[in-house]
Amino acid sequence: MKLNRETEDDEEICRICGFTEGELLWEGGRPNHVICPCCGTESGTGNAGEPADWDGMRGIRVFRGYWVGNGAQWSSPSRKPEDWDLLRQMAQLPPEWR
């Protein structure tokens, strides 16, 4: 998968669920406040932790656990691919966000 990153501070993968369509959620290290159609998280709201920041990572993991524990329901079900696979999607999470 080719990422459309302009800088290393650009992110197009949701930190919570690993979903990506190529839209930049974070650009230059700043959130674009895009709502993930999969888990419903808005980039920059409640998931703004840094990899080395325990509190930020704890928040990300708590939200991810809550979302998965409640059936990993899609926020925008009409955008869910027919062949969607939760584990394959979450495998896309960069190691620093796991």
PDB file of N, CA and C in Angstrom:
ATOM      1  N   MET A   1       0.841  -1.168   0.000  1.00  0.00           N
ATOM      2  CA  MET A   1       0.000   0.000   0.000  1.00  0.00           C
ATOM      3  C   MET A   1       0.888   1.234   0.000  1.00  0.00           C
ATOM      4  N   LYS A   2       0.675   2.131  -0.927  1.00  0.00           N
ATOM      5  CA  LYS A   2       1.429   3.364  -1.013  1.00  0.00           C
ATOM      6  C   LYS A   2       0.720   4.437  -0.215  1.00  0.00           C
ATOM      7  N   LEU A   3       1.457   5.102   0.657  1.00  0.00           N
ATOM      8  CA  LEU A   3       0.884   6.178   1.437  1.00  0.00           C
ATOM      9  C   LEU A   3       1.130   7.498   0.732  1.00  0.00           C
ATOM     10  N   ASN A   4       0.129   8.371   0.766  1.00  0.00           N
ATOM     11  CA  ASN A   4       0.225   9.690   0.138  1.00  0.00           C
ATOM     12  C   ASN A   4       0.765  10.703   1.140  1.00  0.00           C
ATOM     13  N   ARG A   5       1.896  10.426   1.715  1.00  0.00           N
ATOM     14  CA  ARG A   5       2.453  11.291   2.741  1.00  0.00           C
ATOM     15  C   ARG A   5       3.374  12.315   2.117  1.00  0.00           C
ATOM     16  N   GLU A   6       3.179  13.564   2.499  1.00  0.00           N
ATOM     17  CA  GLU A   6       4.075  14.623   2.056  1.00  0.00           C
ATOM     18  C   GLU A   6       5.272  14.732   3.005  1.00  0.00           C
ATOM     19  N   THR A   7       5.009  14.576   4.301  1.00  0.00           N
ATOM     20  CA  THR A   7       6.070  14.608   5.304  1.00  0.00           C
ATOM     21  C   THR A   7       5.867  13.440   6.243  1.00  0.00           C
ATOM     22  N   GLU A   8       6.852  13.176   7.091  1.00  0.00           N
ATOM     23  CA  GLU A   8       6.700  12.067   8.038  1.00  0.00           C
ATOM     24  C   GLU A   8       5.666  12.395   9.114  1.00  0.00           C
ATOM     25  N   ASP A   9       5.251  13.650   9.219  1.00  0.00           N
ATOM     26  CA  ASP A   9       4.212  14.035  10.170  1.00  0.00           C
ATOM     27  C   ASP A   9       2.813  13.971   9.570  1.00  0.00           C
ATOM     28  N   ASP A  10       2.685  13.471   8.340  1.00  0.00           N
ATOM     29  CA  ASP A  10       1.381  13.277   7.706  1.00  0.00           C
ATOM     30  C   ASP A  10       0.908  11.860   7.983  1.00  0.00           C
ATOM     31  N   GLU A  11      -0.374  11.720   8.316  1.00  0.00           N
ATOM     32  CA  GLU A  11      -0.939  10.391   8.592  1.00  0.00           C
ATOM     33  C   GLU A  11      -2.267  10.245   7.863  1.00  0.00           C
ATOM     34  N   GLU A  12      -2.459   9.100   7.236  1.00  0.00           N
ATOM     35  CA  GLU A  12      -3.737   8.812   6.582  1.00  0.00           C
ATOM     36  C   GLU A  12      -4.389   7.550   7.149  1.00  0.00           C
ATOM     37  N   ILE A  13      -3.799   6.985   8.178  1.00  0.00           N
ATOM     38  CA  ILE A  13      -4.347   5.794   8.825  1.00  0.00           C
ATOM     39  C   ILE A  13      -4.916   6.207  10.182  1.00  0.00           C
ATOM     40  N   CYS A  14      -6.167   5.827  10.438  1.00  0.00           N
ATOM     41  CA  CYS A  14      -6.801   6.145  11.714  1.00  0.00           C
ATOM     42  C   CYS A  14      -6.022   5.481  12.847  1.00  0.00           C
ATOM     43  N   ARG A  15      -5.679   6.258  13.856  1.00  0.00           N
ATOM     44  CA  ARG A  15      -4.910   5.745  14.996  1.00  0.00           C
ATOM     45  C   ARG A  15      -5.707   4.753  15.830  1.00  0.00           C
ATOM     46  N   ILE A  16      -7.011   4.791  15.744  1.00  0.00           N
ATOM     47  CA  ILE A  16      -7.854   3.907  16.544  1.00  0.00           C
ATOM     48  C   ILE A  16      -8.072   2.566  15.849  1.00  0.00           C
ATOM     49  N   CYS A  17      -8.527   2.604  14.586  1.00  0.00           N
ATOM     50  CA  CYS A  17      -8.964   1.367  13.930  1.00  0.00           C
ATOM     51  C   CYS A  17      -8.123   0.925  12.736  1.00  0.00           C
ATOM     52  N   GLY A  18      -7.216   1.774  12.257  1.00  0.00           N
ATOM     53  CA  GLY A  18      -6.378   1.401  11.126  1.00  0.00           C
ATOM     54  C   GLY A  18      -6.998   1.633   9.765  1.00  0.00           C
ATOM     55  N   PHE A  19      -8.189   2.245   9.704  1.00  0.00           N
ATOM     56  CA  PHE A  19      -8.856   2.485   8.429  1.00  0.00           C
ATOM     57  C   PHE A  19      -8.109   3.549   7.636  1.00  0.00           C
ATOM     58  N   THR A  20      -8.064   3.374   6.329  1.00  0.00           N
ATOM     59  CA  THR A  20      -7.479   4.383   5.453  1.00  0.00           C
ATOM     60  C   THR A  20      -8.136   4.351   4.087  1.00  0.00           C
ATOM     61  N   GLU A  21      -8.349   5.542   3.545  1.00  0.00           N
ATOM     62  CA  GLU A  21      -8.808   5.703   2.164  1.00  0.00           C
ATOM     63  C   GLU A  21      -7.874   6.644   1.415  1.00  0.00           C
ATOM     64  N   GLY A  22      -6.799   7.042   2.055  1.00  0.00           N
ATOM     65  CA  GLY A  22      -5.855   7.946   1.427  1.00  0.00           C
ATOM     66  C   GLY A  22      -6.055   9.395   1.802  1.00  0.00           C
ATOM     67  N   GLU A  23      -7.079   9.707   2.600  1.00  0.00           N
ATOM     68  CA  GLU A  23      -7.319  11.077   3.042  1.00  0.00           C
ATOM     69  C   GLU A  23      -6.417  11.365   4.240  1.00  0.00           C
ATOM     70  N   LEU A  24      -5.783  12.535   4.247  1.00  0.00           N
ATOM     71  CA  LEU A  24      -4.896  12.880   5.354  1.00  0.00           C
ATOM     72  C   LEU A  24      -5.702  13.244   6.593  1.00  0.00           C
ATOM     73  N   LEU A  25      -5.496  12.469   7.652  1.00  0.00           N
ATOM     74  CA  LEU A  25      -6.137  12.748   8.929  1.00  0.00           C
ATOM     75  C   LEU A  25      -5.299  13.728   9.739  1.00  0.00           C
ATOM     76  N   TRP A  26      -3.996  13.614   9.585  1.00  0.00           N
ATOM     77  CA  TRP A  26      -3.037  14.509  10.231  1.00  0.00           C
ATOM     78  C   TRP A  26      -2.100  15.015   9.137  1.00  0.00           C
ATOM     79  N   GLU A  27      -1.861  16.310   9.116  1.00  0.00           N
ATOM     80  CA  GLU A  27      -0.995  16.908   8.103  1.00  0.00           C
ATOM     81  C   GLU A  27       0.020  17.811   8.797  1.00  0.00           C
ATOM     82  N   GLY A  28       1.300  17.516   8.590  1.00  0.00           N
ATOM     83  CA  GLY A  28       2.341  18.285   9.255  1.00  0.00           C
ATOM     84  C   GLY A  28       2.262  18.188  10.768  1.00  0.00           C
ATOM     85  N   GLY A  29       1.744  17.068  11.267  1.00  0.00           N
ATOM     86  CA  GLY A  29       1.621  16.874  12.706  1.00  0.00           C
ATOM     87  C   GLY A  29       0.385  17.508  13.324  1.00  0.00           C
ATOM     88  N   ARG A  30      -0.454  18.132  12.502  1.00  0.00           N
ATOM     89  CA  ARG A  30      -1.679  18.775  13.000  1.00  0.00           C
ATOM     90  C   ARG A  30      -2.904  18.041  12.474  1.00  0.00           C
ATOM     91  N   PRO A  31      -3.917  17.903  13.317  1.00  0.00           N
ATOM     92  CA  PRO A  31      -5.115  17.178  12.888  1.00  0.00           C
ATOM     93  C   PRO A  31      -5.920  17.957  11.863  1.00  0.00           C
ATOM     94  N   ASN A  32      -6.510  17.237  10.913  1.00  0.00           N
ATOM     95  CA  ASN A  32      -7.421  17.837   9.936  1.00  0.00           C
ATOM     96  C   ASN A  32      -8.872  17.714  10.384  1.00  0.00           C
ATOM     97  N   HIS A  33      -9.088  17.156  11.563  1.00  0.00           N
ATOM     98  CA  HIS A  33     -10.430  16.983  12.145  1.00  0.00           C
ATOM     99  C   HIS A  33     -11.368  16.256  11.193  1.00  0.00           C
ATOM    100  N   VAL A  34     -10.849  15.166  10.627  1.00  0.00           N
ATOM    101  CA  VAL A  34     -11.611  14.292   9.743  1.00  0.00           C
ATOM    102  C   VAL A  34     -12.223  13.183  10.593  1.00  0.00           C
ATOM    103  N   ILE A  35     -13.489  12.869  10.369  1.00  0.00           N
ATOM    104  CA  ILE A  35     -14.149  11.798  11.107  1.00  0.00           C
ATOM    105  C   ILE A  35     -13.976  10.495  10.347  1.00  0.00           C
ATOM    106  N   CYS A  36     -13.435   9.488  11.040  1.00  0.00           N
ATOM    107  CA  CYS A  36     -13.219   8.175  10.435  1.00  0.00           C
ATOM    108  C   CYS A  36     -14.578   7.517  10.190  1.00  0.00           C
ATOM    109  N   PRO A  37     -14.855   7.097   8.958  1.00  0.00           N
ATOM    110  CA  PRO A  37     -16.144   6.460   8.679  1.00  0.00           C
ATOM    111  C   PRO A  37     -16.276   5.081   9.309  1.00  0.00           C
ATOM    112  N   CYS A  38     -15.165   4.525   9.756  1.00  0.00           N
ATOM    113  CA  CYS A  38     -15.196   3.200  10.368  1.00  0.00           C
ATOM    114  C   CYS A  38     -15.514   3.307  11.857  1.00  0.00           C
ATOM    115  N   CYS A  39     -14.597   3.848  12.656  1.00  0.00           N
ATOM    116  CA  CYS A  39     -14.799   3.873  14.110  1.00  0.00           C
ATOM    117  C   CYS A  39     -15.467   5.148  14.612  1.00  0.00           C
ATOM    118  N   GLY A  40     -15.540   6.179  13.775  1.00  0.00           N
ATOM    119  CA  GLY A  40     -16.209   7.418  14.160  1.00  0.00           C
ATOM    120  C   GLY A  40     -15.353   8.402  14.920  1.00  0.00           C
ATOM    121  N   THR A  41     -14.063   8.121  15.057  1.00  0.00           N
ATOM    122  CA  THR A  41     -13.166   9.023  15.769  1.00  0.00           C
ATOM    123  C   THR A  41     -12.787  10.193  14.879  1.00  0.00           C
ATOM    124  N   GLU A  42     -12.768  11.387  15.458  1.00  0.00           N
ATOM    125  CA  GLU A  42     -12.325  12.578  14.734  1.00  0.00           C
ATOM    126  C   GLU A  42     -10.847  12.796  15.016  1.00  0.00           C
ATOM    127  N   SER A  43     -10.038  12.909  13.959  1.00  0.00           N
ATOM    128  CA  SER A  43      -8.605  13.127  14.170  1.00  0.00           C
ATOM    129  C   SER A  43      -8.399  14.420  14.945  1.00  0.00           C
ATOM    130  N   GLY A  44      -7.635  14.308  16.018  1.00  0.00           N
ATOM    131  CA  GLY A  44      -7.351  15.462  16.854  1.00  0.00           C
ATOM    132  C   GLY A  44      -8.278  15.586  18.046  1.00  0.00           C
ATOM    133  N   THR A  45      -9.282  14.739  18.141  1.00  0.00           N
ATOM    134  CA  THR A  45     -10.215  14.790  19.268  1.00  0.00           C
ATOM    135  C   THR A  45     -10.160  13.464  20.006  1.00  0.00           C
ATOM    136  N   GLY A  46      -9.575  13.457  21.169  1.00  0.00           N
ATOM    137  CA  GLY A  46      -9.535  12.253  21.985  1.00  0.00           C
ATOM    138  C   GLY A  46      -8.498  11.233  21.564  1.00  0.00           C
ATOM    139  N   ASN A  47      -7.735  11.508  20.512  1.00  0.00           N
ATOM    140  CA  ASN A  47      -6.703  10.557  20.099  1.00  0.00           C
ATOM    141  C   ASN A  47      -5.440  11.297  19.692  1.00  0.00           C
ATOM    142  N   ALA A  48      -5.162  12.391  20.373  1.00  0.00           N
ATOM    143  CA  ALA A  48      -4.050  13.249  19.988  1.00  0.00           C
ATOM    144  C   ALA A  48      -2.752  12.904  20.705  1.00  0.00           C
ATOM    145  N   GLY A  49      -2.689  11.758  21.341  1.00  0.00           N
ATOM    146  CA  GLY A  49      -1.486  11.378  22.075  1.00  0.00           C
ATOM    147  C   GLY A  49      -0.296  11.161  21.167  1.00  0.00           C
ATOM    148  N   GLU A  50       0.851  11.220  21.760  1.00  0.00           N
ATOM    149  CA  GLU A  50       2.086  10.944  21.045  1.00  0.00           C
ATOM    150  C   GLU A  50       2.544   9.532  21.399  1.00  0.00           C
ATOM    151  N   PRO A  51       3.282   8.864  20.499  1.00  0.00           N
ATOM    152  CA  PRO A  51       3.728   7.502  20.789  1.00  0.00           C
ATOM    153  C   PRO A  51       4.460   7.371  22.118  1.00  0.00           C
ATOM    154  N   ALA A  52       5.239   8.368  22.506  1.00  0.00           N
ATOM    155  CA  ALA A  52       5.995   8.296  23.759  1.00  0.00           C
ATOM    156  C   ALA A  52       5.183   8.797  24.958  1.00  0.00           C
ATOM    157  N   ASP A  53       3.957   9.240  24.739  1.00  0.00           N
ATOM    158  CA  ASP A  53       3.107   9.799  25.781  1.00  0.00           C
ATOM    159  C   ASP A  53       2.151   8.729  26.298  1.00  0.00           C
ATOM    160  N   TRP A  54       2.402   8.242  27.514  1.00  0.00           N
ATOM    161  CA  TRP A  54       1.602   7.155  28.071  1.00  0.00           C
ATOM    162  C   TRP A  54       0.123   7.515  28.132  1.00  0.00           C
ATOM    163  N   ASP A  55      -0.221   8.712  28.571  1.00  0.00           N
ATOM    164  CA  ASP A  55      -1.628   9.092  28.682  1.00  0.00           C
ATOM    165  C   ASP A  55      -2.312   9.101  27.321  1.00  0.00           C
ATOM    166  N   GLY A  56      -1.621   9.590  26.312  1.00  0.00           N
ATOM    167  CA  GLY A  56      -2.190   9.585  24.963  1.00  0.00           C
ATOM    168  C   GLY A  56      -2.399   8.176  24.440  1.00  0.00           C
ATOM    169  N   MET A  57      -1.416   7.316  24.628  1.00  0.00           N
ATOM    170  CA  MET A  57      -1.545   5.930  24.168  1.00  0.00           C
ATOM    171  C   MET A  57      -2.624   5.193  24.950  1.00  0.00           C
ATOM    172  N   ARG A  58      -2.738   5.482  26.238  1.00  0.00           N
ATOM    173  CA  ARG A  58      -3.773   4.834  27.039  1.00  0.00           C
ATOM    174  C   ARG A  58      -5.155   5.222  26.517  1.00  0.00           C
ATOM    175  N   GLY A  59      -5.356   6.490  26.179  1.00  0.00           N
ATOM    176  CA  GLY A  59      -6.629   6.934  25.633  1.00  0.00           C
ATOM    177  C   GLY A  59      -6.957   6.257  24.310  1.00  0.00           C
ATOM    178  N   ILE A  60      -5.962   6.139  23.456  1.00  0.00           N
ATOM    179  CA  ILE A  60      -6.151   5.476  22.164  1.00  0.00           C
ATOM    180  C   ILE A  60      -6.539   4.022  22.390  1.00  0.00           C
ATOM    181  N   ARG A  61      -5.836   3.341  23.261  1.00  0.00           N
ATOM    182  CA  ARG A  61      -6.107   1.916  23.512  1.00  0.00           C
ATOM    183  C   ARG A  61      -7.456   1.704  24.194  1.00  0.00           C
ATOM    184  N   VAL A  62      -7.848   2.602  25.084  1.00  0.00           N
ATOM    185  CA  VAL A  62      -9.150   2.484  25.740  1.00  0.00           C
ATOM    186  C   VAL A  62     -10.260   2.648  24.709  1.00  0.00           C
ATOM    187  N   PHE A  63     -10.149   3.664  23.856  1.00  0.00           N
ATOM    188  CA  PHE A  63     -11.182   3.874  22.847  1.00  0.00           C
ATOM    189  C   PHE A  63     -11.226   2.699  21.875  1.00  0.00           C
ATOM    190  N   ARG A  64     -10.064   2.218  21.452  1.00  0.00           N
ATOM    191  CA  ARG A  64     -10.002   1.075  20.537  1.00  0.00           C
ATOM    192  C   ARG A  64     -10.645  -0.156  21.175  1.00  0.00           C
ATOM    193  N   GLY A  65     -10.324  -0.414  22.432  1.00  0.00           N
ATOM    194  CA  GLY A  65     -10.904  -1.548  23.137  1.00  0.00           C
ATOM    195  C   GLY A  65     -12.412  -1.426  23.275  1.00  0.00           C
ATOM    196  N   TYR A  66     -12.890  -0.225  23.559  1.00  0.00           N
ATOM    197  CA  TYR A  66     -14.335   0.003  23.676  1.00  0.00           C
ATOM    198  C   TYR A  66     -15.014  -0.244  22.330  1.00  0.00           C
ATOM    199  N   TRP A  67     -14.419   0.285  21.251  1.00  0.00           N
ATOM    200  CA  TRP A  67     -15.003   0.129  19.913  1.00  0.00           C
ATOM    201  C   TRP A  67     -15.045  -1.345  19.508  1.00  0.00           C
ATOM    202  N   VAL A  68     -13.934  -2.054  19.682  1.00  0.00           N
ATOM    203  CA  VAL A  68     -13.883  -3.477  19.323  1.00  0.00           C
ATOM    204  C   VAL A  68     -14.803  -4.285  20.239  1.00  0.00           C
ATOM    205  N   GLY A  69     -14.771  -3.980  21.534  1.00  0.00           N
ATOM    206  CA  GLY A  69     -15.591  -4.716  22.499  1.00  0.00           C
ATOM    207  C   GLY A  69     -17.085  -4.577  22.256  1.00  0.00           C
ATOM    208  N   ASN A  70     -17.473  -3.513  21.568  1.00  0.00           N
ATOM    209  CA  ASN A  70     -18.879  -3.289  21.235  1.00  0.00           C
ATOM    210  C   ASN A  70     -19.206  -3.702  19.807  1.00  0.00           C
ATOM    211  N   GLY A  71     -18.393  -4.582  19.257  1.00  0.00           N
ATOM    212  CA  GLY A  71     -18.695  -5.156  17.951  1.00  0.00           C
ATOM    213  C   GLY A  71     -18.068  -4.470  16.766  1.00  0.00           C
ATOM    214  N   ALA A  72     -17.176  -3.502  16.996  1.00  0.00           N
ATOM    215  CA  ALA A  72     -16.490  -2.794  15.897  1.00  0.00           C
ATOM    216  C   ALA A  72     -17.495  -2.311  14.848  1.00  0.00           C
ATOM    217  N   GLN A  73     -18.552  -1.662  15.331  1.00  0.00           N
ATOM    218  CA  GLN A  73     -19.593  -1.156  14.439  1.00  0.00           C
ATOM    219  C   GLN A  73     -19.086   0.034  13.637  1.00  0.00           C
ATOM    220  N   TRP A  74     -19.462   0.087  12.384  1.00  0.00           N
ATOM    221  CA  TRP A  74     -19.065   1.191  11.513  1.00  0.00           C
ATOM    222  C   TRP A  74     -19.897   2.431  11.805  1.00  0.00           C
ATOM    223  N   SER A  75     -19.230   3.564  11.855  1.00  0.00           N
ATOM    224  CA  SER A  75     -19.901   4.843  12.051  1.00  0.00           C
ATOM    225  C   SER A  75     -20.721   5.206  10.811  1.00  0.00           C
ATOM    226  N   SER A  76     -20.199   4.890   9.637  1.00  0.00           N
ATOM    227  CA  SER A  76     -20.883   5.113   8.359  1.00  0.00           C
ATOM    228  C   SER A  76     -21.003   3.762   7.657  1.00  0.00           C
ATOM    229  N   PRO A  77     -22.012   2.956   8.019  1.00  0.00           N
ATOM    230  CA  PRO A  77     -22.135   1.599   7.477  1.00  0.00           C
ATOM    231  C   PRO A  77     -22.175   1.523   5.955  1.00  0.00           C
ATOM    232  N   SER A  78     -22.663   2.567   5.301  1.00  0.00           N
ATOM    233  CA  SER A  78     -22.743   2.542   3.832  1.00  0.00           C
ATOM    234  C   SER A  78     -21.360   2.550   3.187  1.00  0.00           C
ATOM    235  N   ARG A  79     -20.327   2.919   3.936  1.00  0.00           N
ATOM    236  CA  ARG A  79     -18.961   2.958   3.400  1.00  0.00           C
ATOM    237  C   ARG A  79     -18.164   1.701   3.725  1.00  0.00           C
ATOM    238  N   LYS A  80     -18.786   0.753   4.437  1.00  0.00           N
ATOM    239  CA  LYS A  80     -18.100  -0.477   4.825  1.00  0.00           C
ATOM    240  C   LYS A  80     -17.943  -1.392   3.609  1.00  0.00           C
ATOM    241  N   PRO A  81     -16.702  -1.762   3.254  1.00  0.00           N
ATOM    242  CA  PRO A  81     -16.488  -2.665   2.124  1.00  0.00           C
ATOM    243  C   PRO A  81     -17.111  -4.042   2.389  1.00  0.00           C
ATOM    244  N   GLU A  82     -17.608  -4.672   1.350  1.00  0.00           N
ATOM    245  CA  GLU A  82     -18.221  -6.000   1.499  1.00  0.00           C
ATOM    246  C   GLU A  82     -17.245  -7.023   2.050  1.00  0.00           C
ATOM    247  N   ASP A  83     -15.978  -6.905   1.674  1.00  0.00           N
ATOM    248  CA  ASP A  83     -14.974  -7.878   2.113  1.00  0.00           C
ATOM    249  C   ASP A  83     -14.180  -7.387   3.327  1.00  0.00           C
ATOM    250  N   TRP A  84     -14.770  -6.491   4.122  1.00  0.00           N
ATOM    251  CA  TRP A  84     -14.079  -5.904   5.262  1.00  0.00           C
ATOM    252  C   TRP A  84     -13.653  -6.964   6.263  1.00  0.00           C
ATOM    253  N   ASP A  85     -12.430  -6.821   6.754  1.00  0.00           N
ATOM    254  CA  ASP A  85     -11.864  -7.739   7.734  1.00  0.00           C
ATOM    255  C   ASP A  85     -11.196  -6.906   8.829  1.00  0.00           C
ATOM    256  N   LEU A  86     -11.742  -6.956  10.026  1.00  0.00           N
ATOM    257  CA  LEU A  86     -11.242  -6.156  11.142  1.00  0.00           C
ATOM    258  C   LEU A  86      -9.759  -6.398  11.403  1.00  0.00           C
ATOM    259  N   LEU A  87      -9.349  -7.654  11.470  1.00  0.00           N
ATOM    260  CA  LEU A  87      -7.951  -7.947  11.790  1.00  0.00           C
ATOM    261  C   LEU A  87      -6.998  -7.474  10.701  1.00  0.00           C
ATOM    262  N   ARG A  88      -7.393  -7.629   9.447  1.00  0.00           N
ATOM    263  CA  ARG A  88      -6.552  -7.149   8.341  1.00  0.00           C
ATOM    264  C   ARG A  88      -6.414  -5.627   8.419  1.00  0.00           C
ATOM    265  N   GLN A  89      -7.519  -4.954   8.732  1.00  0.00           N
ATOM    266  CA  GLN A  89      -7.469  -3.496   8.831  1.00  0.00           C
ATOM    267  C   GLN A  89      -6.586  -3.052   9.998  1.00  0.00           C
ATOM    268  N   MET A  90      -6.763  -3.666  11.147  1.00  0.00           N
ATOM    269  CA  MET A  90      -5.981  -3.253  12.314  1.00  0.00           C
ATOM    270  C   MET A  90      -4.497  -3.592  12.165  1.00  0.00           C
ATOM    271  N   ALA A  91      -4.167  -4.545  11.315  1.00  0.00           N
ATOM    272  CA  ALA A  91      -2.770  -4.872  11.036  1.00  0.00           C
ATOM    273  C   ALA A  91      -2.069  -3.717  10.338  1.00  0.00           C
ATOM    274  N   GLN A  92      -2.831  -2.781   9.758  1.00  0.00           N
ATOM    275  CA  GLN A  92      -2.267  -1.602   9.093  1.00  0.00           C
ATOM    276  C   GLN A  92      -1.792  -0.535  10.077  1.00  0.00           C
ATOM    277  N   LEU A  93      -2.191  -0.668  11.341  1.00  0.00           N
ATOM    278  CA  LEU A  93      -1.770   0.327  12.337  1.00  0.00           C
ATOM    279  C   LEU A  93      -0.260   0.340  12.436  1.00  0.00           C
ATOM    280  N   PRO A  94       0.349   1.519  12.343  1.00  0.00           N
ATOM    281  CA  PRO A  94       1.796   1.591  12.521  1.00  0.00           C
ATOM    282  C   PRO A  94       2.155   1.111  13.931  1.00  0.00           C
ATOM    283  N   PRO A  95       3.316   0.487  14.084  1.00  0.00           N
ATOM    284  CA  PRO A  95       3.699  -0.060  15.386  1.00  0.00           C
ATOM    285  C   PRO A  95       3.610   0.958  16.524  1.00  0.00           C
ATOM    286  N   GLU A  96       3.886   2.232  16.256  1.00  0.00           N
ATOM    287  CA  GLU A  96       3.853   3.232  17.343  1.00  0.00           C
ATOM    288  C   GLU A  96       2.448   3.509  17.853  1.00  0.00           C
ATOM    289  N   TRP A  97       1.407   3.053  17.142  1.00  0.00           N
ATOM    290  CA  TRP A  97       0.025   3.284  17.584  1.00  0.00           C
ATOM    291  C   TRP A  97      -0.660   2.010  18.071  1.00  0.00           C
ATOM    292  N   ARG A  98       0.062   0.911  18.179  1.00  0.00           N
ATOM    293  CA  ARG A  98      -0.555  -0.347  18.625  1.00  0.00           C
ATOM    294  C   ARG A  98      -0.643  -0.435  20.126  1.00  0.00           C
TER     295      ARG A  98
END
